[in-house]
Amino acid sequence: MSEDNNTTTNNNNNNNSIEQCSIFTEQDKELAVKAKQEYEGGQYDVCLKTLQKILESCPDDPKVLFNVALAEYAMSSFQKTDAFKVQLNKIAEKLHCSLDGVTTLEEPDQCTVFYNMAVLLYHTRQYRSALLVVEKLFRFIGQIDETLSWKICLLMCELDLCTFQPENALATVIHLEKLISESVISPSNGLSHSPNMLIENLEVLKSKISLYKIRCLLMLKSLRICKKELRQLQNTNISSTSLTYARANFEYFKENHIRALKILTNNQQTNSSLISLQTNSSHCFYNNLSCIHFHLHKSAFALFYMRRALAENNRLLIEQLNSNDKQLIVHNINRKYEILYNLGIQLLFKHQPLPAFECLIDVINIYSNNVRLWLRLAECCIMIHRSSNDDIFKLEEKLKCVLQSIGTGFHHKLILGNCNTSTSSKKSTVTNGNENCSMEFALFCLKNALASLPPITEDDLQKDGTKLYPAPPGNPIRIGDMIALKCSILAAAAYVSLCLNDFVSAKNYATYLLEEPRASSGHKYLARLYLSESLLAMNKIDLAISQLDAESIKTENDLSFKMSITTVDKEEKSDTPEATPTVPKVDLVSWLPRDARVGQAIVYYNIAAIYAITNDVEKAFKHFNLFVNLFGKTQPAHSFQLKFYLDLLDGNRHRLQILLKENFGHLTSNKSFVAFPTITHTLSNNNS
C-alpha cells in the first residue's frame, strides 16, 4: 500500500539564511535578519530586493550569492530548476568544490550547497545519488548549524525509505531524536528563537519524526511497536494526510481491511488536507482504495480503482508537464510503474494473464532486480499455456476422450482422442511487439529470477527472520518469504521444463527443490511429482516410482505451502487487534489439491500410469482403483483415457463397453464395437 511522500520534505528548500560573517556591517546584519523573515513569510520578491542591497557590499560572498539564487528559485515557484543548478555550480566553484563529485566536500561551509543538490536529486527521484551526498553530509553533523543538521537527518531518513532500507532509516531517526534532546537541554550554535517559536518548531519536528518512525516500522512490519507510536501521535491532535495514510497502512498490514477503508474514505470527507487529494495525489488515493478492495476479494472494484489511478496519474502528468519550466514537485508525481505493477498483479490473480503480462513487461524495465516480478511474468505465460487445473473436470474436456463414431453394425468403431490439453501445441502469444508470452519466455524469466536471488547464509537464518531484502516497488521481503519465493521459482521452473520436454532440467530443478531443507510440504509434494515424471521420461522407471508415496500424505498440512512462522511473526500475530468487523480469511488463489484425499489420489493415478507403461496391468488396476475410490464420482478427463488403455491392454472388451456406454452413450450402440486409439494419443502422467 503506497503512502503520500510529497509531504515529507516540503520545507527542504527553506535553507539557512545568511550566516554572520566578519566582513558584514551592522546594517548588513539587520538586512540579513529582515531578508530571512521575508523569505519565511513567502515574500520572495521583497526578500530578493533586500538581498540585493547586501550583495552591493559583499558581491562575491558565496553565502549571499546562494541566498539570492534561492530567492530567485522560490520566486519561480521552484520551476526554474536548471537555472538554480547553474547558480549552485557557480557558488560551489567559489567554495573550491564540485557538485559532480561528492569527494570534494571537505569543509562545513560547503554543506549547504551540497544539501540543496541532494534535495534536487531527491525530487528528480535519483535516490541513490542523493543518498551518497547525504551520507557524506552526515559526517559534518556537529560542525554545522543545528537546523541544517536536522534537515540532513530528515532527508537521509526519507532517502533510506525510498531505497527500501528501513533499518538505516530507523537508526537515523533515533540519532535525530538524540540531537533534538541535546539541543533542548543546551541550545547551541547561537540560535536566537523565542521560547514559544522554539517549542512550536520542535513540536512540528517531533511529529515529523514520529511519522518517519511509523513508516519505518510499517516497512519492517513491526506492527506492535508501530501501534504504540500511532497512539502517541494521535494523542497530540495532529491531523495530516501522512498520518491518515499511516493509520490506513497500519490497518492494512493488520489485515483489518474494512477499517483501513473507513479511515481513507471517512477522513477524506472531513479532513480539508485530504480533500486536496482530488487534485494533488488522487492517483495514490485510488491506488490505495484498489489494494484494499483487492484483499476484500472485490476484484471488480479493485480493477476499477486501479485503472482510475492510472488515468489520474496520466492526467496529472499532462497538466503539470506541458510547460517547459517544470515545478520541482512534478518529478515525484509520476507513479505509473508502481500502478502498472499493482494492476498487473491484480489482473494475474483475476485470471487475465495476457493483459497482466502487458502491464508487467513494461515494469520489468524499471525493476529488473525484483525476483518476484520475474516470477509473476513467468506465471502469466504459464496461465496462458494452461489456465487452471479446473479445466480437466469440465464436460467438454471429458468428451474429447472419444473423437467420433464411424461405421455401423459389425463395423462400428470409435476413435479415441486426446483430452490432455497440456500436451497440445499452442502458438506463442505475441505481446508488446517483440516479447513472446510463451513457455520459452517463462523459462527465461525463471532463470533470471534464480540468478537474481540473494545469497542466504546461516547467520541470516539465525536472526529470527529479521533480515530484509529489497523488492521495489513493493516493501522489502523477509528471509522466510524469500525462501518461499525461491521454492516457488524452482517448482515453476520444473513444471515449465516438463512442458518444454526438457526432462534433464526438470529433474535438476525438482532435485534442487527437494534439497531445500526449509521448503514447505506443498513445494516438496510438487517436486516429487515433477521429479517422478522427468525420471519416467528418461526411462528410469524404478526411480520414478520411488518418488511417489501416497501414504506420506495424511493431513492437509502435508500439502500446505505455509512455512514455519518466525519469532517476529509470532509476536505480531499474538498482538490481536480490537474487535472490528472482519471478513472471513480466504486465499487469493484456489489451490488443487486442497485436501489429503485428493493429494493421495493424484499420486495413485501417477503410479498406475507408470505401471501401465510397463505393461504391469495388475498393479496398474490396483492403484487406479485406489485413485477412483479416493477421488469419487467427479474424476478428471484424462482418467478415462487411462481406463480405456488399461482395459484394452487387459483385453477386457466387456468392461470397456460398459465404461463407454455409461459415459459416452451418445456415441455407442447396443451392438459390439471396437475402440481404436488415435496415433497421436499420449498418456498423461501428471496433472498436479
Foldseek 3Di string as FASTA:
>chain_A
DDFDPLPLPVPLLLDDWDDDDPQDDPVLVVLRVVLSVCVVVVVLVVSLVSLVVSCVSVVLDLRSLLSNLSSVCVVVVVQPVVVSVVSLQVSCVVVVAGLVDLVRPDDQVNLVSLSVVLVLCVLLVVLVVSLVNLVSSQVCVVVYDLVVNLSSLSSNLSSCVSQQNLVVSLVSLVVSVVSVVVCVVPPDPPDDDDPVVVVVVVVVSVLSSLLSNLSSCLLLVLLVVSVVSLVVSVVVVDDARSNLQSVLSSCVSLQVLVVSVCSLVVCCVVPPRNVCCVPQVVLVSLQSVLVSVVQVVNLVSNLVSLVVSLVNLVVLCVVQVPDPRGRSNSSVSRPNLVSLQVNLVSCVLVLNLPSSLQSLVVNCVVQVLALVSLQSLLSSLVCVLPVDLVVLLDLVLLVQQWDAWDDDDPAIEIEGGASPSLQDDDDFDDPPPPDTSHLVSSLVSLVSSVVSQDDDDPVLVVPLQSDWDDRPPDRTDTPLVSVLSLLSSLLSNLVSCVSVVVLVSNLVSLVVSCPPPQFFLQSVLSSLLSNLVSCVVVVNLVVSLVSQDLVVQDWQSNNDRDTDHTPSRVVSVVPRDDDDDHDPDDDSDDDPPRTSLQSSLQSLQLNLVSCLVVLVLVSSVVSLVSSPVSVDDRDGSLNLVSVLSSCVSVVVQVVNVVVCCVSVVVRDDPHGYYYDYDPPYDHDNGSD
